N, C-alpha and C. Protein backbone atom coordinates (compact mmCIF):
# COMPACT_ATOMS: atom_id res chain seq x y z
N MET A 1 -69.10 111.44 -114.61
CA MET A 1 -70.18 110.50 -114.34
C MET A 1 -70.18 109.34 -115.33
N GLU A 2 -69.82 109.62 -116.58
CA GLU A 2 -69.78 108.59 -117.61
C GLU A 2 -68.75 107.53 -117.25
N ILE A 3 -67.61 107.99 -116.74
CA ILE A 3 -66.54 107.04 -116.36
C ILE A 3 -67.01 106.16 -115.21
N LEU A 4 -67.69 106.74 -114.23
CA LEU A 4 -68.18 105.98 -113.09
C LEU A 4 -69.20 104.93 -113.53
N LYS A 5 -70.05 105.30 -114.49
CA LYS A 5 -71.05 104.36 -115.01
C LYS A 5 -70.37 103.20 -115.72
N LEU A 6 -69.33 103.51 -116.49
CA LEU A 6 -68.61 102.44 -117.19
C LEU A 6 -67.97 101.48 -116.19
N ILE A 7 -67.41 102.07 -115.13
CA ILE A 7 -66.77 101.22 -114.10
C ILE A 7 -67.80 100.32 -113.44
N LEU A 8 -68.98 100.88 -113.13
CA LEU A 8 -70.04 100.08 -112.50
C LEU A 8 -70.53 98.99 -113.43
N ASP A 9 -70.70 99.33 -114.70
CA ASP A 9 -71.14 98.32 -115.68
C ASP A 9 -70.12 97.20 -115.80
N TRP A 10 -68.87 97.59 -115.85
CA TRP A 10 -67.81 96.55 -115.96
C TRP A 10 -67.78 95.68 -114.71
N PHE A 11 -68.00 96.29 -113.56
CA PHE A 11 -68.02 95.54 -112.31
C PHE A 11 -69.19 94.56 -112.29
N LYS A 12 -70.37 94.99 -112.78
CA LYS A 12 -71.52 94.10 -112.81
C LYS A 12 -71.30 92.92 -113.75
N LYS A 13 -70.66 93.18 -114.89
CA LYS A 13 -70.41 92.11 -115.86
C LYS A 13 -69.38 91.11 -115.33
N ASN A 14 -68.45 91.58 -114.55
CA ASN A 14 -67.37 90.71 -114.06
C ASN A 14 -67.47 90.45 -112.56
N ALA A 15 -68.68 90.57 -112.03
CA ALA A 15 -68.84 90.41 -110.58
C ALA A 15 -68.45 89.00 -110.13
N VAL A 16 -68.85 87.98 -110.89
CA VAL A 16 -68.53 86.60 -110.52
C VAL A 16 -67.02 86.38 -110.49
N LEU A 17 -66.35 86.88 -111.54
CA LEU A 17 -64.90 86.72 -111.59
C LEU A 17 -64.21 87.44 -110.44
N LEU A 18 -64.68 88.66 -110.16
CA LEU A 18 -64.06 89.43 -109.08
C LEU A 18 -64.33 88.78 -107.71
N LEU A 19 -65.57 88.37 -107.49
CA LEU A 19 -65.89 87.74 -106.20
C LEU A 19 -65.16 86.40 -106.05
N GLY A 20 -65.08 85.64 -107.14
CA GLY A 20 -64.35 84.37 -107.08
C GLY A 20 -62.87 84.58 -106.80
N SER A 21 -62.27 85.56 -107.46
CA SER A 21 -60.86 85.86 -107.22
C SER A 21 -60.62 86.30 -105.78
N LEU A 22 -61.56 87.12 -105.28
CA LEU A 22 -61.44 87.58 -103.90
C LEU A 22 -61.57 86.40 -102.94
N ALA A 23 -62.50 85.49 -103.23
CA ALA A 23 -62.68 84.33 -102.36
C ALA A 23 -61.44 83.44 -102.36
N VAL A 24 -60.85 83.22 -103.55
CA VAL A 24 -59.64 82.40 -103.64
C VAL A 24 -58.50 83.06 -102.87
N PHE A 25 -58.37 84.38 -103.02
CA PHE A 25 -57.30 85.08 -102.32
C PHE A 25 -57.47 84.98 -100.80
N VAL A 26 -58.70 85.19 -100.34
CA VAL A 26 -58.94 85.12 -98.89
C VAL A 26 -58.69 83.71 -98.37
N MET A 27 -59.13 82.69 -99.13
CA MET A 27 -58.89 81.31 -98.70
C MET A 27 -57.40 80.99 -98.67
N PHE A 28 -56.65 81.53 -99.65
CA PHE A 28 -55.20 81.31 -99.65
C PHE A 28 -54.55 81.95 -98.44
N VAL A 29 -54.96 83.17 -98.11
CA VAL A 29 -54.42 83.84 -96.93
C VAL A 29 -54.78 83.07 -95.66
N CYS A 30 -56.02 82.59 -95.59
CA CYS A 30 -56.43 81.81 -94.42
C CYS A 30 -55.64 80.51 -94.32
N PHE A 31 -55.38 79.87 -95.47
CA PHE A 31 -54.63 78.62 -95.47
C PHE A 31 -53.20 78.84 -94.98
N VAL A 32 -52.53 79.88 -95.50
CA VAL A 32 -51.16 80.16 -95.07
C VAL A 32 -51.12 80.53 -93.60
N SER A 33 -52.08 81.35 -93.17
CA SER A 33 -52.11 81.74 -91.76
C SER A 33 -52.39 80.54 -90.87
N GLY A 34 -53.30 79.66 -91.32
CA GLY A 34 -53.60 78.47 -90.53
C GLY A 34 -52.41 77.53 -90.43
N CYS A 35 -51.67 77.37 -91.51
CA CYS A 35 -50.48 76.51 -91.47
C CYS A 35 -49.45 77.05 -90.48
N ASN A 36 -49.21 78.34 -90.53
CA ASN A 36 -48.26 78.93 -89.60
C ASN A 36 -48.74 78.81 -88.16
N TYR A 37 -50.03 79.05 -87.97
CA TYR A 37 -50.57 78.93 -86.60
C TYR A 37 -50.47 77.49 -86.11
N HIS A 38 -50.81 76.54 -86.98
CA HIS A 38 -50.75 75.12 -86.59
C HIS A 38 -49.32 74.71 -86.26
N LYS A 39 -48.37 75.19 -87.05
CA LYS A 39 -46.98 74.82 -86.82
C LYS A 39 -46.47 75.36 -85.50
N ASN A 40 -46.91 76.53 -85.12
CA ASN A 40 -46.39 77.17 -83.90
C ASN A 40 -47.17 76.83 -82.64
N HIS A 41 -48.41 76.37 -82.79
CA HIS A 41 -49.25 76.16 -81.61
C HIS A 41 -49.72 74.71 -81.42
N SER A 42 -49.67 73.90 -82.46
CA SER A 42 -50.16 72.52 -82.32
C SER A 42 -49.10 71.63 -81.70
N LYS A 43 -49.55 70.73 -80.88
CA LYS A 43 -48.65 69.79 -80.23
C LYS A 43 -48.39 68.60 -81.14
N CYS A 44 -47.27 67.92 -80.88
CA CYS A 44 -46.95 66.71 -81.61
C CYS A 44 -47.93 65.60 -81.22
N PRO A 45 -48.09 64.60 -82.07
CA PRO A 45 -48.99 63.49 -81.72
C PRO A 45 -48.58 62.85 -80.39
N GLU A 46 -49.58 62.53 -79.60
CA GLU A 46 -49.32 61.93 -78.30
C GLU A 46 -48.99 60.45 -78.46
N ILE A 47 -47.83 60.05 -77.93
CA ILE A 47 -47.37 58.67 -78.04
C ILE A 47 -47.43 58.04 -76.65
N THR A 48 -48.15 56.95 -76.56
CA THR A 48 -48.31 56.23 -75.29
C THR A 48 -47.70 54.84 -75.45
N THR A 49 -46.77 54.50 -74.57
CA THR A 49 -46.12 53.20 -74.62
C THR A 49 -46.37 52.46 -73.32
N ASN A 50 -46.94 51.29 -73.43
CA ASN A 50 -47.20 50.45 -72.27
C ASN A 50 -46.40 49.16 -72.40
N THR A 51 -45.59 48.87 -71.39
CA THR A 51 -44.80 47.64 -71.37
C THR A 51 -45.39 46.70 -70.33
N VAL A 52 -45.79 45.53 -70.79
CA VAL A 52 -46.41 44.53 -69.92
C VAL A 52 -45.51 43.31 -69.87
N ILE A 53 -45.14 42.89 -68.66
CA ILE A 53 -44.32 41.69 -68.47
C ILE A 53 -45.21 40.60 -67.88
N ILE A 54 -45.33 39.50 -68.60
CA ILE A 54 -46.20 38.40 -68.20
C ILE A 54 -45.34 37.21 -67.78
N HIS A 55 -45.55 36.75 -66.57
CA HIS A 55 -44.87 35.55 -66.08
C HIS A 55 -45.80 34.35 -66.23
N ASP A 56 -45.29 33.32 -66.85
CA ASP A 56 -46.07 32.10 -67.05
C ASP A 56 -46.01 31.26 -65.78
N THR A 57 -47.15 31.09 -65.13
CA THR A 57 -47.21 30.33 -63.88
C THR A 57 -47.76 28.91 -64.08
N ILE A 58 -48.01 28.52 -65.31
CA ILE A 58 -48.57 27.20 -65.59
C ILE A 58 -47.47 26.14 -65.56
N ILE A 59 -47.74 25.02 -64.89
CA ILE A 59 -46.84 23.86 -64.92
C ILE A 59 -47.36 22.90 -65.99
N TYR A 60 -46.55 22.70 -67.03
CA TYR A 60 -46.96 21.87 -68.15
C TYR A 60 -46.58 20.42 -67.88
N GLN A 61 -47.53 19.53 -68.11
CA GLN A 61 -47.35 18.11 -67.83
C GLN A 61 -47.36 17.34 -69.16
N ILE A 62 -46.35 16.48 -69.35
CA ILE A 62 -46.30 15.62 -70.51
C ILE A 62 -46.67 14.21 -70.06
N ALA A 63 -47.75 13.69 -70.61
CA ALA A 63 -48.24 12.38 -70.19
C ALA A 63 -47.29 11.27 -70.64
N ASP A 64 -47.20 10.21 -69.82
CA ASP A 64 -46.30 9.10 -70.16
C ASP A 64 -47.05 8.02 -70.92
N THR A 65 -47.90 8.44 -71.86
CA THR A 65 -48.62 7.52 -72.71
C THR A 65 -48.42 7.93 -74.17
N ILE A 66 -48.59 6.96 -75.05
CA ILE A 66 -48.45 7.22 -76.48
C ILE A 66 -49.60 8.14 -76.92
N PRO A 67 -49.41 9.16 -77.77
CA PRO A 67 -48.18 9.45 -78.52
C PRO A 67 -47.25 10.44 -77.85
N PHE A 68 -47.55 10.82 -76.59
CA PHE A 68 -46.73 11.83 -75.94
C PHE A 68 -45.39 11.27 -75.48
N TYR A 69 -45.38 10.00 -75.12
CA TYR A 69 -44.18 9.42 -74.55
C TYR A 69 -43.98 8.04 -75.15
N ILE A 70 -42.81 7.81 -75.71
CA ILE A 70 -42.47 6.52 -76.33
C ILE A 70 -41.23 5.98 -75.65
N GLN A 71 -41.31 4.76 -75.18
CA GLN A 71 -40.21 4.13 -74.44
C GLN A 71 -39.74 2.89 -75.19
N LYS A 72 -38.44 2.78 -75.36
CA LYS A 72 -37.86 1.58 -75.96
C LYS A 72 -36.43 1.42 -75.45
N THR A 73 -35.95 0.17 -75.51
CA THR A 73 -34.58 -0.11 -75.07
C THR A 73 -33.61 0.28 -76.16
N ASP A 74 -32.66 1.10 -75.80
CA ASP A 74 -31.69 1.57 -76.78
C ASP A 74 -30.47 0.64 -76.85
N THR A 75 -29.82 0.36 -75.70
CA THR A 75 -28.59 -0.43 -75.67
C THR A 75 -28.54 -1.22 -74.36
N ILE A 76 -28.09 -2.43 -74.47
CA ILE A 76 -27.83 -3.26 -73.28
C ILE A 76 -26.34 -3.57 -73.24
N ILE A 77 -25.69 -3.24 -72.15
CA ILE A 77 -24.24 -3.48 -71.99
C ILE A 77 -24.06 -4.45 -70.82
N TYR A 78 -23.48 -5.58 -71.11
CA TYR A 78 -23.21 -6.58 -70.07
C TYR A 78 -21.79 -6.41 -69.57
N THR A 79 -21.59 -6.51 -68.26
CA THR A 79 -20.27 -6.42 -67.67
C THR A 79 -19.75 -7.82 -67.33
N GLU A 80 -18.47 -8.00 -67.50
CA GLU A 80 -17.87 -9.31 -67.21
C GLU A 80 -17.47 -9.44 -65.75
N THR A 81 -17.51 -8.35 -65.05
CA THR A 81 -17.10 -8.38 -63.65
C THR A 81 -18.31 -8.66 -62.77
N ILE A 82 -18.28 -9.73 -62.02
CA ILE A 82 -19.35 -10.10 -61.11
C ILE A 82 -18.75 -10.22 -59.71
N ILE A 83 -19.30 -9.46 -58.80
CA ILE A 83 -18.76 -9.45 -57.44
C ILE A 83 -19.15 -10.75 -56.74
N GLN A 84 -18.17 -11.36 -56.13
CA GLN A 84 -18.38 -12.61 -55.39
C GLN A 84 -18.37 -12.32 -53.89
N PRO A 85 -19.08 -13.04 -53.03
CA PRO A 85 -20.04 -14.08 -53.43
C PRO A 85 -21.34 -13.48 -53.91
N VAL A 86 -22.15 -14.23 -54.65
CA VAL A 86 -23.41 -13.77 -55.23
C VAL A 86 -24.54 -14.12 -54.29
N ASP A 87 -25.33 -13.08 -53.90
CA ASP A 87 -26.50 -13.28 -53.04
C ASP A 87 -27.73 -13.23 -53.93
N THR A 88 -28.20 -14.41 -54.31
CA THR A 88 -29.32 -14.47 -55.26
C THR A 88 -30.57 -13.85 -54.68
N ALA A 89 -30.85 -14.05 -53.43
CA ALA A 89 -32.05 -13.47 -52.81
C ALA A 89 -32.00 -11.95 -52.83
N GLU A 90 -30.84 -11.38 -52.56
CA GLU A 90 -30.70 -9.91 -52.58
C GLU A 90 -30.85 -9.37 -53.98
N ILE A 91 -30.33 -10.14 -54.95
CA ILE A 91 -30.44 -9.71 -56.35
C ILE A 91 -31.91 -9.70 -56.77
N LEU A 92 -32.65 -10.78 -56.41
CA LEU A 92 -34.06 -10.83 -56.77
C LEU A 92 -34.87 -9.74 -56.05
N LYS A 93 -34.53 -9.50 -54.80
CA LYS A 93 -35.21 -8.44 -54.05
C LYS A 93 -34.99 -7.09 -54.71
N ASN A 94 -33.76 -6.82 -55.10
CA ASN A 94 -33.43 -5.54 -55.76
C ASN A 94 -34.06 -5.46 -57.15
N TYR A 95 -34.17 -6.62 -57.82
CA TYR A 95 -34.73 -6.68 -59.18
C TYR A 95 -36.21 -6.31 -59.17
N PHE A 96 -36.98 -6.79 -58.19
CA PHE A 96 -38.41 -6.53 -58.14
C PHE A 96 -38.75 -5.25 -57.34
N ALA A 97 -37.76 -4.62 -56.76
CA ALA A 97 -38.02 -3.41 -55.99
C ALA A 97 -38.37 -2.24 -56.92
N LEU A 98 -39.03 -1.24 -56.36
CA LEU A 98 -39.36 -0.02 -57.11
C LEU A 98 -38.29 1.03 -56.82
N HIS A 99 -37.53 1.39 -57.84
CA HIS A 99 -36.47 2.40 -57.71
C HIS A 99 -37.01 3.73 -58.26
N VAL A 100 -37.17 4.71 -57.40
CA VAL A 100 -37.74 6.01 -57.78
C VAL A 100 -36.61 7.04 -57.86
N TYR A 101 -36.51 7.70 -59.01
CA TYR A 101 -35.48 8.71 -59.24
C TYR A 101 -36.16 10.06 -59.48
N ASN A 102 -35.74 11.04 -58.76
CA ASN A 102 -36.22 12.41 -58.94
C ASN A 102 -35.07 13.26 -59.46
N ARG A 103 -35.29 13.88 -60.63
CA ARG A 103 -34.24 14.72 -61.23
C ARG A 103 -34.83 16.10 -61.56
N HIS A 104 -33.96 17.09 -61.49
CA HIS A 104 -34.39 18.48 -61.69
C HIS A 104 -33.33 19.24 -62.47
N TRP A 105 -33.79 19.97 -63.50
CA TRP A 105 -32.91 20.85 -64.28
C TRP A 105 -33.52 22.25 -64.29
N GLU A 106 -32.68 23.25 -64.26
CA GLU A 106 -33.18 24.62 -64.28
C GLU A 106 -32.13 25.55 -64.83
N ASP A 107 -32.59 26.46 -65.70
CA ASP A 107 -31.74 27.56 -66.18
C ASP A 107 -32.62 28.80 -66.25
N SER A 108 -32.18 29.81 -67.00
CA SER A 108 -32.95 31.05 -67.06
C SER A 108 -34.23 30.91 -67.88
N LEU A 109 -34.36 29.84 -68.63
CA LEU A 109 -35.51 29.65 -69.50
C LEU A 109 -36.52 28.66 -68.93
N LEU A 110 -36.05 27.49 -68.44
CA LEU A 110 -36.95 26.42 -68.03
C LEU A 110 -36.60 25.88 -66.66
N SER A 111 -37.63 25.34 -66.02
CA SER A 111 -37.46 24.54 -64.80
C SER A 111 -38.13 23.20 -65.08
N VAL A 112 -37.31 22.11 -65.10
CA VAL A 112 -37.79 20.79 -65.52
C VAL A 112 -37.68 19.82 -64.36
N ASN A 113 -38.73 19.05 -64.15
CA ASN A 113 -38.74 18.00 -63.14
C ASN A 113 -39.08 16.67 -63.81
N LEU A 114 -38.29 15.62 -63.47
CA LEU A 114 -38.52 14.30 -64.03
C LEU A 114 -38.47 13.28 -62.90
N ARG A 115 -39.54 12.52 -62.77
CA ARG A 115 -39.63 11.48 -61.74
C ARG A 115 -39.82 10.14 -62.43
N ASP A 116 -38.83 9.24 -62.29
CA ASP A 116 -38.86 7.93 -62.92
C ASP A 116 -39.00 6.84 -61.87
N THR A 117 -39.76 5.83 -62.21
CA THR A 117 -39.88 4.64 -61.37
C THR A 117 -39.41 3.44 -62.18
N VAL A 118 -38.39 2.75 -61.67
CA VAL A 118 -37.76 1.65 -62.39
C VAL A 118 -37.94 0.37 -61.59
N THR A 119 -38.36 -0.71 -62.27
CA THR A 119 -38.45 -2.03 -61.66
C THR A 119 -38.28 -3.09 -62.73
N GLN A 120 -37.63 -4.18 -62.37
CA GLN A 120 -37.39 -5.30 -63.29
C GLN A 120 -36.67 -4.83 -64.56
N ASN A 121 -35.75 -3.90 -64.34
CA ASN A 121 -34.90 -3.37 -65.41
C ASN A 121 -35.67 -2.59 -66.48
N ARG A 122 -36.79 -2.02 -66.12
CA ARG A 122 -37.52 -1.19 -67.07
C ARG A 122 -38.32 -0.13 -66.29
N PHE A 123 -38.71 0.90 -67.05
CA PHE A 123 -39.45 2.00 -66.45
C PHE A 123 -40.89 1.58 -66.21
N MET A 124 -41.35 1.85 -65.02
CA MET A 124 -42.73 1.54 -64.69
C MET A 124 -43.63 2.77 -64.84
N GLY A 125 -43.10 3.94 -64.58
CA GLY A 125 -43.87 5.18 -64.71
C GLY A 125 -42.94 6.37 -64.79
N ASN A 126 -43.41 7.41 -65.46
CA ASN A 126 -42.62 8.63 -65.63
C ASN A 126 -43.52 9.84 -65.42
N ASP A 127 -43.01 10.77 -64.68
CA ASP A 127 -43.73 12.01 -64.43
C ASP A 127 -42.83 13.16 -64.87
N PHE A 128 -43.18 13.75 -66.04
CA PHE A 128 -42.34 14.79 -66.62
C PHE A 128 -43.14 16.09 -66.68
N ASN A 129 -42.64 17.15 -66.07
CA ASN A 129 -43.30 18.46 -66.14
C ASN A 129 -42.25 19.55 -66.18
N TYR A 130 -42.67 20.70 -66.70
CA TYR A 130 -41.74 21.83 -66.81
C TYR A 130 -42.53 23.13 -66.67
N ARG A 131 -41.80 24.17 -66.35
CA ARG A 131 -42.38 25.50 -66.21
C ARG A 131 -41.47 26.50 -66.89
N ILE A 132 -42.07 27.42 -67.64
CA ILE A 132 -41.31 28.44 -68.37
C ILE A 132 -40.99 29.58 -67.41
N LEU A 133 -39.70 29.88 -67.26
CA LEU A 133 -39.27 30.90 -66.32
C LEU A 133 -39.09 32.27 -66.97
N ARG A 134 -38.70 32.27 -68.22
CA ARG A 134 -38.43 33.55 -68.88
C ARG A 134 -39.74 34.28 -69.12
N PRO A 135 -39.89 35.51 -68.63
CA PRO A 135 -41.15 36.24 -68.82
C PRO A 135 -41.30 36.72 -70.26
N GLN A 136 -42.53 36.91 -70.65
CA GLN A 136 -42.85 37.44 -71.97
C GLN A 136 -43.11 38.94 -71.85
N THR A 137 -42.41 39.70 -72.67
CA THR A 137 -42.54 41.16 -72.65
C THR A 137 -43.38 41.62 -73.84
N ILE A 138 -44.44 42.34 -73.56
CA ILE A 138 -45.32 42.87 -74.60
C ILE A 138 -45.28 44.39 -74.53
N ILE A 139 -44.90 45.02 -75.64
CA ILE A 139 -44.81 46.47 -75.72
C ILE A 139 -45.89 46.98 -76.66
N ASN A 140 -46.79 47.79 -76.14
CA ASN A 140 -47.86 48.40 -76.93
C ASN A 140 -47.57 49.89 -77.10
N THR A 141 -47.41 50.31 -78.34
CA THR A 141 -47.17 51.73 -78.65
C THR A 141 -48.37 52.29 -79.40
N ILE A 142 -48.98 53.32 -78.86
CA ILE A 142 -50.17 53.93 -79.45
C ILE A 142 -49.85 55.38 -79.80
N VAL A 143 -50.02 55.72 -81.07
CA VAL A 143 -49.80 57.09 -81.55
C VAL A 143 -51.16 57.69 -81.90
N ASP A 144 -51.52 58.75 -81.20
CA ASP A 144 -52.80 59.42 -81.42
C ASP A 144 -52.59 60.57 -82.41
N ASN A 145 -52.95 60.33 -83.69
CA ASN A 145 -52.81 61.36 -84.71
C ASN A 145 -54.14 62.06 -85.01
N SER A 146 -55.13 61.77 -84.23
CA SER A 146 -56.43 62.36 -84.50
C SER A 146 -56.43 63.86 -84.21
N VAL A 147 -57.11 64.58 -85.04
CA VAL A 147 -57.26 66.03 -84.88
C VAL A 147 -58.73 66.32 -84.65
N LYS A 148 -59.03 66.92 -83.54
CA LYS A 148 -60.42 67.18 -83.18
C LYS A 148 -60.63 68.68 -83.00
N TYR A 149 -61.62 69.20 -83.68
CA TYR A 149 -61.95 70.62 -83.59
C TYR A 149 -63.34 70.76 -82.97
N ASN A 150 -63.47 71.69 -82.05
CA ASN A 150 -64.77 71.97 -81.46
C ASN A 150 -65.56 72.97 -82.29
N SER A 151 -64.87 73.84 -83.01
CA SER A 151 -65.56 74.84 -83.82
C SER A 151 -64.63 75.28 -84.95
N CYS A 152 -65.23 75.81 -86.02
CA CYS A 152 -64.47 76.26 -87.19
C CYS A 152 -65.10 77.54 -87.74
N LEU A 153 -64.26 78.33 -88.39
CA LEU A 153 -64.71 79.57 -89.04
C LEU A 153 -64.46 79.41 -90.54
N TYR A 154 -65.53 79.62 -91.36
CA TYR A 154 -65.44 79.42 -92.80
C TYR A 154 -65.70 80.74 -93.52
N PHE A 155 -64.99 80.90 -94.62
CA PHE A 155 -65.26 82.01 -95.53
C PHE A 155 -65.78 81.41 -96.83
N GLY A 156 -66.87 81.96 -97.35
CA GLY A 156 -67.46 81.38 -98.55
C GLY A 156 -68.04 82.42 -99.48
N LEU A 157 -68.67 81.91 -100.53
CA LEU A 157 -69.23 82.77 -101.56
C LEU A 157 -70.55 82.16 -102.02
N ASP A 158 -71.63 82.95 -102.00
CA ASP A 158 -72.94 82.54 -102.52
C ASP A 158 -73.14 83.20 -103.87
N ILE A 159 -73.33 82.39 -104.91
CA ILE A 159 -73.52 82.92 -106.26
C ILE A 159 -74.93 82.59 -106.73
N PHE A 160 -75.72 83.59 -107.05
CA PHE A 160 -77.09 83.41 -107.51
C PHE A 160 -77.12 83.54 -109.03
N CYS A 161 -77.78 82.59 -109.65
CA CYS A 161 -77.92 82.62 -111.10
C CYS A 161 -79.41 82.59 -111.46
N PRO A 162 -79.84 83.30 -112.50
CA PRO A 162 -78.98 84.13 -113.37
C PRO A 162 -78.79 85.56 -112.85
N ASN A 163 -79.49 85.93 -111.78
CA ASN A 163 -79.41 87.30 -111.27
C ASN A 163 -78.21 87.40 -110.33
N MET A 164 -77.08 87.89 -110.85
CA MET A 164 -75.87 87.96 -110.07
C MET A 164 -75.91 89.08 -109.03
N GLU A 165 -76.96 89.83 -109.04
CA GLU A 165 -77.04 90.97 -108.13
C GLU A 165 -77.08 90.53 -106.67
N TYR A 166 -77.60 89.33 -106.45
CA TYR A 166 -77.76 88.86 -105.09
C TYR A 166 -76.62 87.93 -104.64
N SER A 167 -75.56 87.86 -105.39
CA SER A 167 -74.39 87.07 -104.98
C SER A 167 -73.77 87.69 -103.73
N GLU A 168 -73.36 86.83 -102.80
CA GLU A 168 -72.90 87.31 -101.50
C GLU A 168 -71.50 86.78 -101.16
N ILE A 169 -70.83 87.59 -100.38
CA ILE A 169 -69.63 87.14 -99.69
C ILE A 169 -70.06 86.75 -98.27
N ALA A 170 -69.75 85.51 -97.86
CA ALA A 170 -70.32 85.00 -96.61
C ALA A 170 -69.23 84.54 -95.65
N LEU A 171 -69.57 84.62 -94.39
CA LEU A 171 -68.69 84.16 -93.32
C LEU A 171 -69.52 83.25 -92.41
N PHE A 172 -69.00 82.03 -92.14
CA PHE A 172 -69.75 81.04 -91.38
C PHE A 172 -68.96 80.62 -90.14
N TYR A 173 -69.70 80.45 -89.06
CA TYR A 173 -69.13 79.89 -87.83
C TYR A 173 -69.85 78.58 -87.55
N ALA A 174 -69.08 77.49 -87.49
CA ALA A 174 -69.66 76.16 -87.30
C ALA A 174 -69.16 75.56 -85.99
N SER A 175 -70.08 75.02 -85.24
CA SER A 175 -69.77 74.28 -84.01
C SER A 175 -70.51 72.96 -84.06
N ARG A 176 -70.38 72.16 -83.01
CA ARG A 176 -71.05 70.87 -82.98
C ARG A 176 -72.57 71.01 -82.87
N LYS A 177 -73.03 72.14 -82.37
CA LYS A 177 -74.46 72.29 -82.11
C LYS A 177 -75.19 73.12 -83.16
N SER A 178 -74.46 74.01 -83.87
CA SER A 178 -75.17 74.89 -84.80
C SER A 178 -74.22 75.45 -85.84
N LEU A 179 -74.81 76.10 -86.83
CA LEU A 179 -74.08 76.81 -87.88
C LEU A 179 -74.65 78.21 -88.00
N LEU A 180 -73.80 79.22 -87.87
CA LEU A 180 -74.21 80.62 -87.97
C LEU A 180 -73.44 81.26 -89.11
N GLY A 181 -74.10 82.15 -89.84
CA GLY A 181 -73.42 82.80 -90.94
C GLY A 181 -74.02 84.16 -91.27
N ILE A 182 -73.19 85.02 -91.83
CA ILE A 182 -73.64 86.33 -92.31
C ILE A 182 -73.11 86.51 -93.72
N GLY A 183 -73.87 87.21 -94.55
CA GLY A 183 -73.46 87.45 -95.91
C GLY A 183 -73.74 88.88 -96.34
N TYR A 184 -72.96 89.32 -97.33
CA TYR A 184 -73.15 90.68 -97.85
C TYR A 184 -73.10 90.63 -99.37
N ALA A 185 -74.14 91.23 -99.99
CA ALA A 185 -74.22 91.29 -101.44
C ALA A 185 -73.82 92.69 -101.89
N PRO A 186 -72.62 92.86 -102.47
CA PRO A 186 -72.15 94.21 -102.85
C PRO A 186 -73.03 94.88 -103.89
N LEU A 187 -73.56 94.10 -104.86
CA LEU A 187 -74.36 94.72 -105.91
C LEU A 187 -75.73 95.14 -105.40
N ALA A 188 -76.34 94.28 -104.56
CA ALA A 188 -77.66 94.61 -104.01
C ALA A 188 -77.56 95.50 -102.79
N LYS A 189 -76.36 95.68 -102.30
CA LYS A 189 -76.11 96.51 -101.12
C LYS A 189 -76.99 96.06 -99.94
N GLY A 190 -77.00 94.76 -99.74
CA GLY A 190 -77.78 94.20 -98.64
C GLY A 190 -77.06 92.99 -98.06
N GLY A 191 -77.56 92.56 -96.93
CA GLY A 191 -76.94 91.44 -96.26
C GLY A 191 -77.95 90.38 -95.87
N SER A 192 -77.44 89.29 -95.28
CA SER A 192 -78.31 88.19 -94.86
C SER A 192 -77.71 87.54 -93.63
N PHE A 193 -78.57 86.85 -92.91
CA PHE A 193 -78.15 86.10 -91.72
C PHE A 193 -78.58 84.65 -91.90
N LYS A 194 -77.70 83.72 -91.55
CA LYS A 194 -77.96 82.31 -91.80
C LYS A 194 -77.78 81.55 -90.48
N ILE A 195 -78.65 80.56 -90.28
CA ILE A 195 -78.55 79.69 -89.10
C ILE A 195 -79.00 78.30 -89.50
N ALA A 196 -78.33 77.28 -88.95
CA ALA A 196 -78.68 75.88 -89.24
C ALA A 196 -78.40 75.05 -88.00
N LEU A 197 -79.22 74.00 -87.84
CA LEU A 197 -79.07 73.08 -86.72
C LEU A 197 -78.86 71.68 -87.26
N PRO A 198 -78.06 70.87 -86.62
CA PRO A 198 -77.79 69.51 -87.13
C PRO A 198 -78.99 68.59 -86.97
N LEU A 199 -79.22 67.77 -88.00
CA LEU A 199 -80.27 66.76 -87.95
C LEU A 199 -79.71 65.39 -87.62
N PHE A 200 -78.57 65.04 -88.22
CA PHE A 200 -77.93 63.75 -87.98
C PHE A 200 -76.43 64.00 -87.81
N THR A 201 -75.82 63.17 -86.99
CA THR A 201 -74.37 63.22 -86.80
C THR A 201 -73.81 61.82 -86.97
N TRP A 202 -72.62 61.73 -87.50
CA TRP A 202 -71.93 60.44 -87.66
C TRP A 202 -70.44 60.69 -87.70
N GLN A 203 -69.67 59.59 -87.66
CA GLN A 203 -68.21 59.69 -87.70
C GLN A 203 -67.70 59.01 -88.95
């Protein structure tokens, strides 16, 4: 009986150390088990890739006014060959006439239209527009790394000071709506039941 009393006294004096060691050991076991479970049962992050191809349908117009368009004579080349006979009336008629030129260029990138009006050896008006043909590709990659739990199971320890007799080993179940727990005090040889409800929630 004396030996049993000594053991009980030693246990009472070192109850905090023993309960703390037990709690650390249990948490370590839970951590290792949780890691193995997560590795074998959890899915990889969900990767979502959306490819959007946008075609530009706008026709861009460049105005033939300053500062968008600047016109000047670059070079004048006179020819020495004059076709005979010379019809002055026809030359004057052609000189004052409106000569309209429509030109078009297109490749895989651009479609360009140019409309020039020439009279009296100079440009009277210009209509320049283009359209972008090459589509724009937008790739959106979304990786969902969020981890969401609906409920959790906790192991804990309640330490009462200075009366260590009521220190408890506790187990808690937590969900979004409530918290439930049970505890056992080895020294007091009694247990407890715990319940809690959320007051505020945030992210």
